[in-house]
C-alpha atoms as a PDB file:
ATOM      1  CA  MET A   1      -0.032   0.022   0.046  1.00  0.00           C
ATOM      2  CA  PHE A   2       0.949   3.593  -0.521  1.00  0.00           C
ATOM      3  CA  ILE A   3      -0.305   7.112  -0.395  1.00  0.00           C
ATOM      4  CA  SER A   4      -0.628   9.155  -3.517  1.00  0.00           C
ATOM      5  CA  ILE A   5      -1.730  12.841  -3.783  1.00  0.00           C
ATOM      6  CA  VAL A   6      -2.404  15.051  -6.715  1.00  0.00           C
ATOM      7  CA  CYS A   7      -2.436  18.712  -6.868  1.00  0.00           C
ATOM      8  CA  CYS A   8      -3.873  20.854  -9.743  1.00  0.00           C
ATOM      9  CA  LEU A   9      -4.671  24.430 -10.471  1.00  0.00           C
ATOM     10  CA  LEU A  10      -6.830  26.016 -13.101  1.00  0.00           C
ATOM     11  CA  SER A  11      -8.539  29.329 -13.805  1.00  0.00           C
ATOM     12  CA  SER A  12     -12.076  29.459 -15.137  1.00  0.00           C
ATOM     13  CA  ALA A  13     -15.482  30.096 -13.706  1.00  0.00           C
ATOM     14  CA  TYR A  14     -16.375  26.487 -14.194  1.00  0.00           C
ATOM     15  CA  ALA A  15     -13.192  25.139 -12.629  1.00  0.00           C
ATOM     16  CA  GLU A  16     -13.399  27.346  -9.593  1.00  0.00           C
ATOM     17  CA  GLN A  17     -16.429  25.274  -8.442  1.00  0.00           C
ATOM     18  CA  LYS A  18     -14.449  22.240  -8.168  1.00  0.00           C
ATOM     19  CA  LEU A  19     -10.888  23.376  -7.667  1.00  0.00           C
ATOM     20  CA  PRO A  20      -8.587  23.201  -5.806  1.00  0.00           C
ATOM     21  CA  VAL A  21      -8.638  19.388  -5.183  1.00  0.00           C
ATOM     22  CA  ALA A  22      -6.581  17.157  -2.766  1.00  0.00           C
ATOM     23  CA  LEU A  23      -7.152  13.496  -3.354  1.00  0.00           C
ATOM     24  CA  ASN A  24      -5.386  10.421  -2.097  1.00  0.00           C
ATOM     25  CA  THR A  25      -5.855   6.807  -1.860  1.00  0.00           C
ATOM     26  CA  TRP A  26      -7.176   5.035   1.391  1.00  0.00           C
ATOM     27  CA  ALA A  27      -8.635   6.792   4.339  1.00  0.00           C
ATOM     28  CA  PHE A  28      -5.548   8.703   5.207  1.00  0.00           C
ATOM     29  CA  LEU A  29      -7.580  11.828   6.276  1.00  0.00           C
ATOM     30  CA  GLU A  30      -4.968  13.570   8.282  1.00  0.00           C
ATOM     31  CA  ALA A  31      -2.500  13.588   5.242  1.00  0.00           C
ATOM     32  CA  ASN A  32      -5.360  14.952   3.137  1.00  0.00           C
ATOM     33  CA  GLN A  33      -6.190  17.743   5.611  1.00  0.00           C
ATOM     34  CA  VAL A  34      -2.464  18.786   5.747  1.00  0.00           C
ATOM     35  CA  ALA A  35      -2.142  18.995   1.996  1.00  0.00           C
ATOM     36  CA  TRP A  36      -5.485  20.839   1.861  1.00  0.00           C
ATOM     37  CA  ALA A  37      -4.439  23.476   4.411  1.00  0.00           C
ATOM     38  CA  VAL A  38      -0.950  23.970   2.713  1.00  0.00           C
ATOM     39  CA  LEU A  39      -2.759  24.395  -0.626  1.00  0.00           C
ATOM     40  CA  HIS A  40      -4.597  27.483   0.868  1.00  0.00           C
ATOM     41  CA  GLU A  41      -1.381  29.083   2.458  1.00  0.00           C
ATOM     42  CA  PRO A  42      -0.216  32.286   0.769  1.00  0.00           C
ATOM     43  CA  GLY A  43       3.069  31.624  -1.198  1.00  0.00           C
ATOM     44  CA  LYS A  44       2.742  27.811  -1.027  1.00  0.00           C
ATOM     45  CA  SER A  45       2.664  25.753  -4.175  1.00  0.00           C
ATOM     46  CA  SER A  46       0.757  22.470  -5.106  1.00  0.00           C
ATOM     47  CA  LEU A  47       4.079  20.724  -4.874  1.00  0.00           C
ATOM     48  CA  ASP A  48       4.437  21.979  -1.313  1.00  0.00           C
ATOM     49  CA  ALA A  49       1.023  20.633  -0.537  1.00  0.00           C
ATOM     50  CA  LEU A  50       1.850  17.311  -2.048  1.00  0.00           C
ATOM     51  CA  VAL A  51       5.055  16.891  -0.143  1.00  0.00           C
ATOM     52  CA  ASP A  52       3.749  18.058   3.149  1.00  0.00           C
ATOM     53  CA  GLY A  53       0.658  15.782   2.775  1.00  0.00           C
ATOM     54  CA  VAL A  54       2.679  12.698   2.071  1.00  0.00           C
ATOM     55  CA  THR A  55       5.267  13.510   4.605  1.00  0.00           C
ATOM     56  CA  THR A  56       2.366  13.487   7.202  1.00  0.00           C
ATOM     57  CA  CYS A  57       1.772   9.897   6.217  1.00  0.00           C
ATOM     58  CA  GLU A  58       5.414   9.046   6.294  1.00  0.00           C
ATOM     59  CA  ASP A  59       5.824  10.473   9.887  1.00  0.00           C
ATOM     60  CA  ARG A  60       2.643   8.821  11.187  1.00  0.00           C
ATOM     61  CA  GLN A  61       3.404   5.465   9.511  1.00  0.00           C
ATOM     62  CA  CYS A  62      -0.151   5.326   7.840  1.00  0.00           C
ATOM     63  CA  ASP A  63      -1.478   1.901   8.112  1.00  0.00           C
ATOM     64  CA  GLY A  64       1.872   0.489   8.542  1.00  0.00           C
ATOM     65  CA  SER A  65       2.456   0.702   4.764  1.00  0.00           C
ATOM     66  CA  VAL A  66       3.929   4.048   4.506  1.00  0.00           C
ATOM     67  CA  GLY A  67       7.057   5.389   6.144  1.00  0.00           C
ATOM     68  CA  TYR A  68       9.650   3.875   8.582  1.00  0.00           C
ATOM     69  CA  GLY A  69       8.931   0.882  10.850  1.00  0.00           C
ATOM     70  CA  GLY A  70       6.813  -1.112   8.411  1.00  0.00           C
ATOM     71  CA  SER A  71       7.036  -3.863   5.730  1.00  0.00           C
ATOM     72  CA  PRO A  72      10.495  -5.256   6.697  1.00  0.00           C
ATOM     73  CA  ASP A  73      12.259  -7.176   3.924  1.00  0.00           C
ATOM     74  CA  GLU A  74      13.400 -10.727   4.484  1.00  0.00           C
ATOM     75  CA  SER A  75      16.692  -9.440   6.036  1.00  0.00           C
ATOM     76  CA  GLY A  76      14.468  -7.361   8.636  1.00  0.00           C
ATOM     77  CA  GLU A  77      15.211  -3.985   7.104  1.00  0.00           C
ATOM     78  CA  THR A  78      12.635  -1.293   6.053  1.00  0.00           C
ATOM     79  CA  THR A  79      13.437   0.517   2.832  1.00  0.00           C
ATOM     80  CA  LEU A  80      11.395   3.283   1.014  1.00  0.00           C
ATOM     81  CA  ASP A  81      10.211   4.030  -2.355  1.00  0.00           C
ATOM     82  CA  SER A  82       8.811   7.479  -3.535  1.00  0.00           C
ATOM     83  CA  MET A  83       7.984   9.488  -6.610  1.00  0.00           C
ATOM     84  CA  ILE A  84       6.762  12.907  -7.761  1.00  0.00           C
ATOM     85  CA  ILE A  85       5.683  13.709 -11.269  1.00  0.00           C
ATOM     86  CA  ASP A  86       5.096  17.324 -12.498  1.00  0.00           C
ATOM     87  CA  GLY A  87       2.018  17.445 -14.801  1.00  0.00           C
ATOM     88  CA  SER A  88       3.304  20.595 -16.595  1.00  0.00           C
ATOM     89  CA  ASN A  89       6.410  19.119 -18.056  1.00  0.00           C
ATOM     90  CA  MET A  90       6.477  15.382 -17.245  1.00  0.00           C
ATOM     91  CA  ASN A  91       9.571  15.881 -15.073  1.00  0.00           C
ATOM     92  CA  VAL A  92       9.982  13.064 -12.521  1.00  0.00           C
ATOM     93  CA  GLY A  93      11.930  12.622  -9.228  1.00  0.00           C
ATOM     94  CA  ALA A  94      11.998   9.260  -7.616  1.00  0.00           C
ATOM     95  CA  VAL A  95      13.901   7.078  -5.177  1.00  0.00           C
ATOM     96  CA  ALA A  96      13.785   3.295  -4.684  1.00  0.00           C
ATOM     97  CA  GLY A  97      15.288   1.041  -2.039  1.00  0.00           C
ATOM     98  CA  LEU A  98      15.999   4.271   0.077  1.00  0.00           C
ATOM     99  CA  ARG A  99      17.773   3.071   3.235  1.00  0.00           C
ATOM    100  CA  HIS A 100      18.341   5.019   6.487  1.00  0.00           C
ATOM    101  CA  ILE A 101      16.400   8.025   5.361  1.00  0.00           C
ATOM    102  CA  LYS A 102      12.942   8.720   6.721  1.00  0.00           C
ATOM    103  CA  GLN A 103      11.898  11.411   4.320  1.00  0.00           C
ATOM    104  CA  ALA A 104      11.336   9.662   1.118  1.00  0.00           C
ATOM    105  CA  ILE A 105       9.103  12.040  -0.550  1.00  0.00           C
ATOM    106  CA  ARG A 106      11.412  14.948   0.221  1.00  0.00           C
ATOM    107  CA  THR A 107      14.265  13.082  -1.269  1.00  0.00           C
ATOM    108  CA  ALA A 108      12.212  12.516  -4.332  1.00  0.00           C
ATOM    109  CA  ARG A 109      11.575  16.347  -4.562  1.00  0.00           C
ATOM    110  CA  PHE A 110      15.294  16.917  -4.256  1.00  0.00           C
ATOM    111  CA  VAL A 111      15.872  14.543  -7.280  1.00  0.00           C
ATOM    112  CA  LEU A 112      13.093  16.572  -9.146  1.00  0.00           C
ATOM    113  CA  GLU A 113      14.577  19.946  -8.336  1.00  0.00           C
ATOM    114  CA  HIS A 114      18.218  19.488  -8.175  1.00  0.00           C
ATOM    115  CA  THR A 115      19.160  16.920 -10.681  1.00  0.00           C
ATOM    116  CA  GLU A 116      18.656  15.921 -14.308  1.00  0.00           C
ATOM    117  CA  HIS A 117      17.919  12.251 -13.345  1.00  0.00           C
ATOM    118  CA  SER A 118      14.613  10.632 -12.691  1.00  0.00           C
ATOM    119  CA  LEU A 119      15.342   7.763 -10.369  1.00  0.00           C
ATOM    120  CA  LEU A 120      18.016   7.132  -7.753  1.00  0.00           C
ATOM    121  CA  VAL A 121      18.261   3.861  -5.885  1.00  0.00           C
ATOM    122  CA  GLY A 122      19.754   2.207  -2.848  1.00  0.00           C
ATOM    123  CA  ASP A 123      22.684   3.419  -0.839  1.00  0.00           C
ATOM    124  CA  ALA A 124      23.490   5.987  -3.515  1.00  0.00           C
ATOM    125  CA  ALA A 125      20.065   7.491  -3.080  1.00  0.00           C
ATOM    126  CA  SER A 126      20.809   7.665   0.617  1.00  0.00           C
ATOM    127  CA  ASN A 127      24.071   9.479   0.100  1.00  0.00           C
ATOM    128  CA  PHE A 128      22.343  11.934  -2.222  1.00  0.00           C
ATOM    129  CA  ALA A 129      19.617  12.606   0.565  1.00  0.00           C
ATOM    130  CA  GLU A 130      22.574  13.338   2.942  1.00  0.00           C
ATOM    131  CA  MET A 131      24.086  15.803   0.609  1.00  0.00           C
ATOM    132  CA  MET A 132      20.810  17.487   0.423  1.00  0.00           C
ATOM    133  CA  GLY A 133      20.739  17.892   4.192  1.00  0.00           C
ATOM    134  CA  LEU A 134      18.685  14.934   5.320  1.00  0.00           C
ATOM    135  CA  HIS A 135      19.996  12.905   8.219  1.00  0.00           C
ATOM    136  CA  ARG A 136      20.590   9.056   8.313  1.00  0.00           C
ATOM    137  CA  GLU A 137      18.594   7.134  11.089  1.00  0.00           C
ATOM    138  CA  SER A 138      17.320   3.594  11.465  1.00  0.00           C
ATOM    139  CA  LEU A 139      13.992   2.849   9.802  1.00  0.00           C
ATOM    140  CA  THR A 140      13.570  -0.211  12.066  1.00  0.00           C
ATOM    141  CA  THR A 141      11.157  -0.063  15.068  1.00  0.00           C
ATOM    142  CA  PRO A 142      10.374  -2.675  17.776  1.00  0.00           C
ATOM    143  CA  ALA A 143       7.204  -3.397  15.899  1.00  0.00           C
ATOM    144  CA  SER A 144       8.984  -4.018  12.563  1.00  0.00           C
ATOM    145  CA  LYS A 145      11.640  -6.182  14.282  1.00  0.00           C
ATOM    146  CA  ALA A 146       8.856  -8.084  16.047  1.00  0.00           C
ATOM    147  CA  MET A 147       7.114  -8.680  12.748  1.00  0.00           C
ATOM    148  CA  TRP A 148      10.291  -9.954  11.173  1.00  0.00           C
ATOM    149  CA  LEU A 149      11.147 -12.447  14.028  1.00  0.00           C
ATOM    150  CA  GLU A 150       7.672 -13.770  13.831  1.00  0.00           C
ATOM    151  CA  TRP A 151       8.033 -14.307  10.166  1.00  0.00           C
ATOM    152  CA  LYS A 152      11.392 -16.103  10.739  1.00  0.00           C
ATOM    153  CA  HIS A 153       9.781 -18.262  13.415  1.00  0.00           C
ATOM    154  CA  TYR A 154       7.146 -19.461  11.086  1.00  0.00           C
ATOM    155  CA  ASN A 155       9.633 -20.582   8.406  1.00  0.00           C
ATOM    156  CA  CYS A 156       9.677 -17.368   6.411  1.00  0.00           C
ATOM    157  CA  GLN A 157       6.062 -17.643   5.298  1.00  0.00           C
ATOM    158  CA  PRO A 158       4.924 -16.028   3.089  1.00  0.00           C
ATOM    159  CA  ASN A 159       7.869 -15.136   0.744  1.00  0.00           C
ATOM    160  CA  PHE A 160       8.461 -14.133  -2.732  1.00  0.00           C
ATOM    161  CA  TRP A 161      10.717 -17.014  -3.895  1.00  0.00           C
ATOM    162  CA  VAL A 162       9.983 -19.523  -6.588  1.00  0.00           C
ATOM    163  CA  ASN A 163      11.798 -22.475  -8.249  1.00  0.00           C
ATOM    164  CA  VAL A 164      14.520 -22.518  -5.608  1.00  0.00           C
ATOM    165  CA  ILE A 165      15.873 -25.014  -3.242  1.00  0.00           C
ATOM    166  CA  PRO A 166      15.256 -25.603  -0.342  1.00  0.00           C
ATOM    167  CA  ASP A 167      11.413 -25.386  -0.868  1.00  0.00           C
ATOM    168  CA  PRO A 168      10.575 -21.793  -0.166  1.00  0.00           C
ATOM    169  CA  LYS A 169       7.009 -22.803   0.923  1.00  0.00           C
ATOM    170  CA  LYS A 170       8.412 -25.023   3.693  1.00  0.00           C
ATOM    171  CA  ARG A 171      11.559 -23.206   5.105  1.00  0.00           C
ATOM    172  CA  CYS A 172      13.944 -20.153   4.995  1.00  0.00           C
ATOM    173  CA  GLY A 173      16.802 -19.602   2.722  1.00  0.00           C
ATOM    174  CA  PRO A 174      19.434 -19.059   1.738  1.00  0.00           C
ATOM    175  CA  TYR A 175      18.119 -20.248  -1.637  1.00  0.00           C
ATOM    176  CA  LYS A 176      19.738 -21.385  -4.910  1.00  0.00           C
ATOM    177  CA  PRO A 177      18.371 -21.144  -8.431  1.00  0.00           C
ATOM    178  CA  GLN A 178      16.128 -24.111  -9.686  1.00  0.00           C
ATOM    179  CA  ARG A 179      11.737 -11.064  -8.127  1.00  0.00           C
ATOM    180  CA  MET A 180      -0.910  11.742  -3.099  1.00  0.00           C
ATOM    181  CA  ILE A 181      -3.503  13.598  -6.231  1.00  0.00           C
ATOM    182  CA  VAL A 182      -3.624  17.608  -5.631  1.00  0.00           C
ATOM    183  CA  ILE A 183      -4.972  20.328  -8.016  1.00  0.00           C
ATOM    184  CA  ASN A 184      -4.844  24.104  -7.539  1.00  0.00           C
ATOM    185  CA  GLN A 185      -6.510  26.836  -9.257  1.00  0.00           C
ATOM    186  CA  ARG A 186      -3.946  27.702 -11.942  1.00  0.00           C
ATOM    187  CA  GLY A 187      -3.865  24.231 -13.571  1.00  0.00           C
ATOM    188  CA  GLN A 188      -0.701  22.884 -12.040  1.00  0.00           C
ATOM    189  CA  ILE A 189      -0.883  19.118 -11.379  1.00  0.00           C
ATOM    190  CA  TYR A 190       1.457  16.983  -9.183  1.00  0.00           C
ATOM    191  CA  ALA A 191       1.016  13.354  -8.527  1.00  0.00           C
ATOM    192  CA  GLY A 192       3.165  11.482  -5.771  1.00  0.00           C
ATOM    193  CA  THR A 193       3.717   8.235  -4.073  1.00  0.00           C
ATOM    194  CA  SER A 194       5.438   7.006  -0.980  1.00  0.00           C
ATOM    195  CA  THR A 195       5.651   3.389   0.370  1.00  0.00           C
ATOM    196  CA  ASN A 196       7.818   1.031   2.294  1.00  0.00           C
ATOM    197  CA  GLY A 197       6.854  -1.764  -0.151  1.00  0.00           C
ATOM    198  CA  ALA A 198       5.862  -5.353   0.172  1.00  0.00           C
ATOM    199  CA  THR A 199       6.466  -7.083   3.622  1.00  0.00           C
ATOM    200  CA  HIS A 200       9.182  -9.590   3.659  1.00  0.00           C
ATOM    201  CA  LYS A 201      10.200  -8.672   0.065  1.00  0.00           C
ATOM    202  CA  ILE A 202      13.593  -9.979  -1.303  1.00  0.00           C
ATOM    203  CA  PRO A 203      16.120  -7.138  -0.683  1.00  0.00           C
ATOM    204  CA  GLY A 204      16.550  -5.038  -3.833  1.00  0.00           C
ATOM    205  CA  ARG A 205      12.853  -5.420  -4.907  1.00  0.00           C
ATOM    206  CA  VAL A 206      11.313  -2.313  -6.286  1.00  0.00           C
ATOM    207  CA  GLY A 207       7.542  -2.036  -6.720  1.00  0.00           C
ATOM    208  CA  ASP A 208       5.340   0.252  -8.693  1.00  0.00           C
ATOM    209  CA  SER A 209       5.591   3.407  -6.473  1.00  0.00           C
ATOM    210  CA  PRO A 210       8.737   4.995  -7.992  1.00  0.00           C
ATOM    211  CA  ILE A 211       7.749   4.015 -11.582  1.00  0.00           C
ATOM    212  CA  PRO A 212       6.101   6.772 -13.585  1.00  0.00           C
ATOM    213  CA  GLY A 213       2.807   5.579 -14.930  1.00  0.00           C
ATOM    214  CA  ALA A 214       2.459   2.769 -12.549  1.00  0.00           C
ATOM    215  CA  GLY A 215       1.824   4.365  -9.111  1.00  0.00           C
ATOM    216  CA  ALA A 216       1.050   7.791 -10.252  1.00  0.00           C
ATOM    217  CA  TYR A 217       0.884   9.904 -13.397  1.00  0.00           C
ATOM    218  CA  ALA A 218      -0.160  13.469 -14.304  1.00  0.00           C
ATOM    219  CA  ASP A 219      -0.472  15.712 -17.256  1.00  0.00           C
ATOM    220  CA  ASN A 220      -1.830  19.228 -17.009  1.00  0.00           C
ATOM    221  CA  GLU A 221      -3.697  18.989 -20.242  1.00  0.00           C
ATOM    222  CA  VAL A 222      -5.951  16.164 -18.983  1.00  0.00           C
ATOM    223  CA  GLY A 223      -5.628  15.234 -15.341  1.00  0.00           C
ATOM    224  CA  ALA A 224      -3.962  12.707 -13.093  1.00  0.00           C
ATOM    225  CA  ALA A 225      -4.365   9.175 -11.706  1.00  0.00           C
ATOM    226  CA  VAL A 226      -2.969   7.147  -8.745  1.00  0.00           C
ATOM    227  CA  ALA A 227      -3.182   3.404  -8.179  1.00  0.00           C
ATOM    228  CA  THR A 228      -2.787   1.080  -5.389  1.00  0.00           C
ATOM    229  CA  GLY A 229      -2.319  -2.784  -5.225  1.00  0.00           C
ATOM    230  CA  ASP A 230       0.258  -5.401  -5.877  1.00  0.00           C
ATOM    231  CA  GLY A 231       3.221  -3.300  -7.308  1.00  0.00           C
ATOM    232  CA  ASP A 232       4.891  -6.216  -9.101  1.00  0.00           C
ATOM    233  CA  ILE A 233       1.736  -6.656 -11.055  1.00  0.00           C
ATOM    234  CA  MET A 234       0.906  -3.036 -11.586  1.00  0.00           C
ATOM    235  CA  MET A 235       4.110  -2.013 -13.083  1.00  0.00           C
ATOM    236  CA  ARG A 236       3.579  -4.436 -15.902  1.00  0.00           C
ATOM    237  CA  PHE A 237       0.454  -2.453 -16.906  1.00  0.00           C
ATOM    238  CA  LEU A 238       1.137   1.179 -15.968  1.00  0.00           C
ATOM    239  CA  PRO A 239      -2.463   1.677 -14.708  1.00  0.00           C
ATOM    240  CA  SER A 240      -2.100   5.422 -13.987  1.00  0.00           C
ATOM    241  CA  LEU A 241      -0.762   6.052 -17.405  1.00  0.00           C
ATOM    242  CA  LEU A 242      -3.549   4.075 -18.929  1.00  0.00           C
ATOM    243  CA  ALA A 243      -6.154   6.085 -17.032  1.00  0.00           C
ATOM    244  CA  VAL A 244      -4.703   9.417 -17.913  1.00  0.00           C
ATOM    245  CA  GLU A 245      -4.581   8.395 -21.610  1.00  0.00           C
ATOM    246  CA  ALA A 246      -8.169   7.196 -21.343  1.00  0.00           C
ATOM    247  CA  LEU A 247      -8.992  10.717 -20.162  1.00  0.00           C
ATOM    248  CA  ARG A 248      -7.310  12.215 -23.062  1.00  0.00           C
ATOM    249  CA  SER A 249      -9.356  10.021 -25.451  1.00  0.00           C
ATOM    250  CA  GLY A 250     -12.577  11.481 -23.986  1.00  0.00           C
ATOM    251  CA  LYS A 251     -13.480   8.990 -21.134  1.00  0.00           C
ATOM    252  CA  THR A 252     -14.920  10.245 -17.801  1.00  0.00           C
ATOM    253  CA  PRO A 253     -12.838   9.858 -14.692  1.00  0.00           C
ATOM    254  CA  GLU A 254     -15.251   6.965 -13.708  1.00  0.00           C
ATOM    255  CA  ASP A 255     -14.795   5.277 -17.100  1.00  0.00           C
ATOM    256  CA  ALA A 256     -11.019   5.802 -17.200  1.00  0.00           C
ATOM    257  CA  ALA A 257     -10.478   4.215 -13.793  1.00  0.00           C
ATOM    258  CA  THR A 258     -12.670   1.269 -14.716  1.00  0.00           C
ATOM    259  CA  TYR A 259     -10.857   0.801 -18.036  1.00  0.00           C
ATOM    260  CA  SER A 260      -7.489   0.770 -16.256  1.00  0.00           C
ATOM    261  CA  ILE A 261      -8.271  -1.641 -13.458  1.00  0.00           C
ATOM    262  CA  LYS A 262     -10.160  -3.989 -15.735  1.00  0.00           C
ATOM    263  CA  ARG A 263      -7.034  -4.241 -17.935  1.00  0.00           C
ATOM    264  CA  ILE A 264      -5.096  -5.771 -15.135  1.00  0.00           C
ATOM    265  CA  ALA A 265      -8.007  -8.063 -14.050  1.00  0.00           C
ATOM    266  CA  HIS A 266      -8.273  -9.399 -17.454  1.00  0.00           C
ATOM    267  CA  TYR A 267      -4.817 -10.964 -16.979  1.00  0.00           C
ATOM    268  CA  TYR A 268      -4.860 -11.353 -13.236  1.00  0.00           C
ATOM    269  CA  SER A 269      -8.391 -12.521 -12.090  1.00  0.00           C
ATOM    270  CA  ASP A 270      -7.314 -12.538  -8.395  1.00  0.00           C
ATOM    271  CA  PHE A 271      -5.789  -9.080  -8.444  1.00  0.00           C
ATOM    272  CA  SER A 272      -6.878  -6.745  -5.678  1.00  0.00           C
ATOM    273  CA  GLY A 273      -6.374  -2.904  -6.094  1.00  0.00           C
ATOM    274  CA  ALA A 274      -7.751   0.361  -7.062  1.00  0.00           C
ATOM    275  CA  VAL A 275      -7.208   3.454  -9.354  1.00  0.00           C
ATOM    276  CA  VAL A 276      -8.297   6.995  -8.522  1.00  0.00           C
ATOM    277  CA  VAL A 277      -8.612   9.417 -11.360  1.00  0.00           C
ATOM    278  CA  VAL A 278      -9.220  13.262 -11.548  1.00  0.00           C
ATOM    279  CA  ASP A 279      -9.575  15.287 -14.742  1.00  0.00           C
ATOM    280  CA  ARG A 280      -8.175  18.761 -15.130  1.00  0.00           C
ATOM    281  CA  TRP A 281     -11.577  20.236 -14.215  1.00  0.00           C
ATOM    282  CA  GLY A 282     -11.552  18.524 -10.731  1.00  0.00           C
ATOM    283  CA  ASN A 283     -14.156  15.794 -11.641  1.00  0.00           C
ATOM    284  CA  TYR A 284     -12.897  12.648  -9.948  1.00  0.00           C
ATOM    285  CA  SER A 285     -13.863   8.965  -9.452  1.00  0.00           C
ATOM    286  CA  ALA A 286     -12.348   5.664  -8.486  1.00  0.00           C
ATOM    287  CA  ALA A 287     -12.629   2.025  -9.534  1.00  0.00           C
ATOM    288  CA  CYS A 288     -11.596  -1.163  -7.495  1.00  0.00           C
ATOM    289  CA  ILE A 289     -11.481  -4.773  -7.729  1.00  0.00           C
ATOM    290  CA  GLY A 290     -10.714  -7.713  -5.386  1.00  0.00           C
ATOM    291  CA  MET A 291     -12.418  -6.060  -2.369  1.00  0.00           C
ATOM    292  CA  LYS A 292     -15.916  -4.912  -1.326  1.00  0.00           C
ATOM    293  CA  LYS A 293     -15.317  -1.222  -0.965  1.00  0.00           C
ATOM    294  CA  PHE A 294     -12.306   0.951  -1.543  1.00  0.00           C
ATOM    295  CA  PRO A 295     -11.861   4.080   0.691  1.00  0.00           C
ATOM    296  CA  TYR A 296     -10.097   7.310  -0.651  1.00  0.00           C
ATOM    297  CA  SER A 297      -9.828  10.849   0.820  1.00  0.00           C
ATOM    298  CA  VAL A 298     -10.708  14.048  -1.041  1.00  0.00           C
ATOM    299  CA  ALA A 299     -10.982  17.882  -0.281  1.00  0.00           C
ATOM    300  CA  GLN A 300     -12.415  20.019  -3.110  1.00  0.00           C
ATOM    301  CA  GLY A 301     -13.620  23.553  -3.684  1.00  0.00           C
ATOM    302  CA  THR A 302     -14.939  24.891  -0.491  1.00  0.00           C
ATOM    303  CA  HIS A 303     -15.383  21.398   1.031  1.00  0.00           C
ATOM    304  CA  LYS A 304     -13.040  20.089   3.653  1.00  0.00           C
ATOM    305  CA  SER A 305     -11.469  16.624   3.661  1.00  0.00           C
ATOM    306  CA  ILE A 306     -13.714  13.580   3.818  1.00  0.00           C
ATOM    307  CA  ILE A 307     -13.383   9.884   3.190  1.00  0.00           C
ATOM    308  CA  LYS A 308     -15.323   8.340   0.409  1.00  0.00           C
ATOM    309  CA  PHE A 309     -16.109   4.656  -0.414  1.00  0.00           C
ATOM    310  CA  ARG A 310     -16.370   3.130  -3.821  1.00  0.00           C
ATOM    311  CA  ASP A 311     -18.141  -0.126  -4.473  1.00  0.00           C
ATOM    312  CA  CYS A 312     -15.828  -2.486  -6.281  1.00  0.00           C
ATOM    313  CA  ILE A 313     -16.261  -4.303  -9.568  1.00  0.00           C
ATOM    314  CA  VAL A 314     -17.544  -7.896  -9.083  1.00  0.00           C
ATOM    315  CA  THR A 315     -15.805 -10.325 -11.453  1.00  0.00           C
END
């Protein structure tokens, strides 16, 4: 799981009724409220709102799936992935496998604003974060260590290994061979993600969150989308990009979200996930599959942050 927030700005009488917008996956209401408040502060940008909103979830370890102290890999370490995409020029800043740095979304912003690169990974990303003024600290907590020890106690189940010996469904390795949306009133869109990844993942695994078009995508000309679910599957389909391109072809946010999630379900019938879509005018919707209802948070126009629920597609 991860949090994604989008920010947009647009000027027109019609748009002013529905913009600005702060929209994110799941019922992470406090993060939405922070982004919404920053969006209304004089001198603050939609990027500021995005980063502060996502940082709120990183600091509060939303649902254990965002920030430090969650989803330890099979060596017991928590690593972070994060991405920001600028809808005005398609510039991207992302980090993956970030170690010992709690501020993943801020590191992604540094990549966006201070380099010509799109993605930095691993220890090199941590070194970069230090150069930008962030401090190294452990991402492990007593809770995440206990989670890892319990996993080890139960023969490392579940895990992500296949076609290796010893049998990964029966015992631990080592193995051998036999892997937030915000919109302001001037039309500027930012989409972002942050996650600590899959629990007990193989060290080095990177999911969808830092991949443009997978966890999030934005284009000022049409809108933005964010997605949540199994990152190893989602990055094969780029569901956020699919949804934005569906908007471009004339689909509504609801139809675009449905089109995107159904593309994955066509190949993976047991997939569980969701896509949230907003167009450049502030119209939004979501689609989900593999669960009964999907919660997401939104603040719009003159309305404060609320949690909405979307009934999911039955297959």
